[in-house]
Amino acid sequence: MTFDDVLAPVADLPGIEEATSYGTRAVKVRGKLVARLKVDDDTLAILGVPLDELLRRWREVAPRKFVQMFEDR
């Protein structure tokens, strides 16, 4: 699995941005770090927040139509 594989499913969600952190590729949500590739280019460091909490936070900031589309799938 590559970093592109990690990014692909979430890249189009509102507030998601590809960025860098410590000189490596990273994913941020509205400017806040969620995950980053470590310097070995083989390890993904993920913010220590449970998935349900991340989804709750996303639902709070995402446009209502996107949340509804997410809930309906």
N, C-alpha and C. Protein backbone atom coordinates (compact mmCIF):
# COMPACT_ATOMS: atom_id res chain seq x y z
N MET A 1 0.85 -1.18 0.00
CA MET A 1 0.00 0.00 0.00
C MET A 1 0.89 1.23 0.00
N THR A 2 0.51 2.21 -0.80
CA THR A 2 1.27 3.45 -0.90
C THR A 2 0.51 4.59 -0.20
N PHE A 3 1.18 5.70 -0.05
CA PHE A 3 0.52 6.87 0.53
C PHE A 3 -0.64 7.31 -0.36
N ASP A 4 -0.48 7.19 -1.66
CA ASP A 4 -1.56 7.53 -2.58
C ASP A 4 -2.79 6.65 -2.33
N ASP A 5 -2.57 5.38 -2.01
CA ASP A 5 -3.68 4.48 -1.68
C ASP A 5 -4.41 4.93 -0.42
N VAL A 6 -3.67 5.46 0.53
CA VAL A 6 -4.26 5.97 1.77
C VAL A 6 -5.06 7.23 1.49
N LEU A 7 -4.52 8.09 0.68
CA LEU A 7 -5.14 9.38 0.40
C LEU A 7 -6.36 9.27 -0.51
N ALA A 8 -6.35 8.35 -1.45
CA ALA A 8 -7.40 8.26 -2.48
C ALA A 8 -8.83 8.24 -1.93
N PRO A 9 -9.17 7.42 -0.94
CA PRO A 9 -10.57 7.36 -0.51
C PRO A 9 -11.07 8.63 0.18
N VAL A 10 -10.18 9.45 0.69
CA VAL A 10 -10.62 10.63 1.44
C VAL A 10 -10.29 11.95 0.75
N ALA A 11 -9.56 11.89 -0.35
CA ALA A 11 -9.05 13.11 -0.99
C ALA A 11 -10.14 14.09 -1.38
N ASP A 12 -11.31 13.61 -1.75
CA ASP A 12 -12.38 14.50 -2.21
C ASP A 12 -13.32 14.95 -1.09
N LEU A 13 -13.11 14.49 0.12
CA LEU A 13 -13.97 14.93 1.22
C LEU A 13 -13.67 16.38 1.56
N PRO A 14 -14.68 17.14 1.95
CA PRO A 14 -14.46 18.55 2.30
C PRO A 14 -13.47 18.69 3.45
N GLY A 15 -12.58 19.64 3.32
CA GLY A 15 -11.64 19.95 4.38
C GLY A 15 -10.38 19.11 4.36
N ILE A 16 -10.33 18.07 3.53
CA ILE A 16 -9.15 17.21 3.45
C ILE A 16 -8.12 17.88 2.54
N GLU A 17 -6.89 17.90 3.00
CA GLU A 17 -5.82 18.45 2.17
C GLU A 17 -4.56 17.62 2.31
N GLU A 18 -3.86 17.45 1.20
CA GLU A 18 -2.56 16.82 1.26
C GLU A 18 -1.57 17.91 1.63
N ALA A 19 -0.67 17.61 2.54
CA ALA A 19 0.28 18.59 3.04
C ALA A 19 1.61 17.89 3.32
N THR A 20 2.48 18.57 4.04
CA THR A 20 3.71 17.94 4.52
C THR A 20 3.82 18.16 6.02
N SER A 21 4.51 17.24 6.66
CA SER A 21 4.80 17.34 8.09
C SER A 21 6.16 16.69 8.31
N TYR A 22 7.06 17.42 8.94
CA TYR A 22 8.42 16.93 9.14
C TYR A 22 9.07 16.52 7.83
N GLY A 23 8.71 17.21 6.75
CA GLY A 23 9.31 16.95 5.45
C GLY A 23 8.75 15.74 4.72
N THR A 24 7.69 15.14 5.23
CA THR A 24 7.08 13.99 4.56
C THR A 24 5.62 14.29 4.22
N ARG A 25 5.06 13.48 3.35
CA ARG A 25 3.67 13.67 2.94
C ARG A 25 2.73 13.46 4.12
N ALA A 26 1.65 14.24 4.14
CA ALA A 26 0.72 14.18 5.26
C ALA A 26 -0.69 14.47 4.78
N VAL A 27 -1.66 14.11 5.62
CA VAL A 27 -3.07 14.43 5.39
C VAL A 27 -3.53 15.30 6.55
N LYS A 28 -4.17 16.42 6.20
CA LYS A 28 -4.72 17.31 7.22
C LYS A 28 -6.20 17.51 6.96
N VAL A 29 -6.93 17.78 8.02
CA VAL A 29 -8.34 18.14 7.93
C VAL A 29 -8.46 19.55 8.47
N ARG A 30 -8.82 20.48 7.59
CA ARG A 30 -8.92 21.90 7.94
C ARG A 30 -7.66 22.38 8.68
N GLY A 31 -6.51 21.97 8.15
CA GLY A 31 -5.23 22.42 8.67
C GLY A 31 -4.69 21.64 9.85
N LYS A 32 -5.45 20.66 10.34
CA LYS A 32 -4.99 19.87 11.49
C LYS A 32 -4.51 18.50 11.02
N LEU A 33 -3.32 18.12 11.47
CA LEU A 33 -2.70 16.87 11.07
C LEU A 33 -3.53 15.67 11.51
N VAL A 34 -3.74 14.74 10.57
CA VAL A 34 -4.47 13.50 10.85
C VAL A 34 -3.54 12.30 10.68
N ALA A 35 -2.71 12.34 9.63
CA ALA A 35 -1.79 11.24 9.36
C ALA A 35 -0.61 11.76 8.57
N ARG A 36 0.53 11.09 8.74
CA ARG A 36 1.70 11.47 7.95
C ARG A 36 2.58 10.26 7.72
N LEU A 37 3.31 10.33 6.63
CA LEU A 37 4.28 9.31 6.30
C LEU A 37 5.54 9.61 7.10
N LYS A 38 6.10 8.60 7.74
CA LYS A 38 7.33 8.83 8.50
C LYS A 38 8.53 8.87 7.56
N VAL A 39 9.67 9.30 8.07
CA VAL A 39 10.84 9.53 7.23
C VAL A 39 11.37 8.27 6.56
N ASP A 40 10.99 7.10 7.04
CA ASP A 40 11.43 5.87 6.36
C ASP A 40 10.64 5.61 5.09
N ASP A 41 9.64 6.45 4.80
CA ASP A 41 8.77 6.33 3.62
C ASP A 41 8.00 5.02 3.57
N ASP A 42 7.90 4.34 4.70
CA ASP A 42 7.22 3.05 4.72
C ASP A 42 6.22 2.93 5.87
N THR A 43 6.26 3.88 6.81
CA THR A 43 5.42 3.82 8.00
C THR A 43 4.46 4.99 8.00
N LEU A 44 3.17 4.70 8.24
CA LEU A 44 2.16 5.75 8.32
C LEU A 44 1.84 6.01 9.79
N ALA A 45 2.05 7.23 10.22
CA ALA A 45 1.71 7.63 11.59
C ALA A 45 0.32 8.26 11.55
N ILE A 46 -0.60 7.74 12.36
CA ILE A 46 -1.98 8.21 12.38
C ILE A 46 -2.27 8.81 13.74
N LEU A 47 -2.93 9.97 13.72
CA LEU A 47 -3.31 10.64 14.95
C LEU A 47 -4.07 9.68 15.85
N GLY A 48 -3.75 9.66 17.11
CA GLY A 48 -4.35 8.72 18.05
C GLY A 48 -5.75 9.09 18.50
N VAL A 49 -6.64 9.24 17.54
CA VAL A 49 -8.04 9.54 17.84
C VAL A 49 -8.88 8.41 17.25
N PRO A 50 -9.79 7.84 18.01
CA PRO A 50 -10.62 6.76 17.48
C PRO A 50 -11.41 7.21 16.25
N LEU A 51 -11.66 6.28 15.35
CA LEU A 51 -12.35 6.58 14.10
C LEU A 51 -13.69 7.26 14.34
N ASP A 52 -14.45 6.79 15.31
CA ASP A 52 -15.76 7.40 15.55
C ASP A 52 -15.62 8.87 15.96
N GLU A 53 -14.55 9.20 16.67
CA GLU A 53 -14.31 10.60 17.05
C GLU A 53 -13.92 11.44 15.82
N LEU A 54 -13.08 10.87 14.96
CA LEU A 54 -12.72 11.58 13.74
C LEU A 54 -13.96 11.84 12.88
N LEU A 55 -14.81 10.82 12.75
CA LEU A 55 -16.04 10.99 11.97
C LEU A 55 -16.95 12.03 12.60
N ARG A 56 -17.05 12.02 13.91
CA ARG A 56 -17.89 13.00 14.59
C ARG A 56 -17.38 14.41 14.31
N ARG A 57 -16.08 14.59 14.40
CA ARG A 57 -15.50 15.90 14.13
C ARG A 57 -15.72 16.33 12.69
N TRP A 58 -15.57 15.37 11.76
CA TRP A 58 -15.79 15.69 10.35
C TRP A 58 -17.24 16.10 10.12
N ARG A 59 -18.18 15.38 10.73
CA ARG A 59 -19.60 15.71 10.57
C ARG A 59 -19.90 17.13 11.06
N GLU A 60 -19.18 17.58 12.06
CA GLU A 60 -19.41 18.92 12.61
C GLU A 60 -18.99 20.03 11.65
N VAL A 61 -17.99 19.77 10.82
CA VAL A 61 -17.45 20.83 9.97
C VAL A 61 -17.78 20.67 8.49
N ALA A 62 -18.18 19.48 8.09
CA ALA A 62 -18.46 19.24 6.67
C ALA A 62 -19.81 19.84 6.29
N PRO A 63 -19.97 20.25 5.04
CA PRO A 63 -21.27 20.72 4.58
C PRO A 63 -22.32 19.63 4.74
N ARG A 64 -23.51 20.04 5.10
CA ARG A 64 -24.60 19.10 5.39
C ARG A 64 -24.84 18.10 4.26
N LYS A 65 -24.77 18.57 2.99
CA LYS A 65 -25.06 17.67 1.88
C LYS A 65 -24.02 16.54 1.79
N PHE A 66 -22.77 16.82 2.13
CA PHE A 66 -21.75 15.78 2.12
C PHE A 66 -21.96 14.79 3.26
N VAL A 67 -22.33 15.30 4.41
CA VAL A 67 -22.60 14.41 5.54
C VAL A 67 -23.76 13.49 5.19
N GLN A 68 -24.81 14.03 4.59
CA GLN A 68 -25.97 13.21 4.22
C GLN A 68 -25.57 12.15 3.19
N MET A 69 -24.76 12.54 2.21
CA MET A 69 -24.30 11.57 1.21
C MET A 69 -23.49 10.45 1.88
N PHE A 70 -22.66 10.82 2.85
CA PHE A 70 -21.85 9.85 3.58
C PHE A 70 -22.75 8.91 4.38
N GLU A 71 -23.75 9.46 5.05
CA GLU A 71 -24.64 8.65 5.88
C GLU A 71 -25.50 7.71 5.03
N ASP A 72 -25.85 8.14 3.82
CA ASP A 72 -26.74 7.35 2.97
C ASP A 72 -26.05 6.19 2.25
N ARG A 73 -24.74 6.16 2.24
CA ARG A 73 -24.08 5.09 1.47
C ARG A 73 -24.03 3.79 2.20
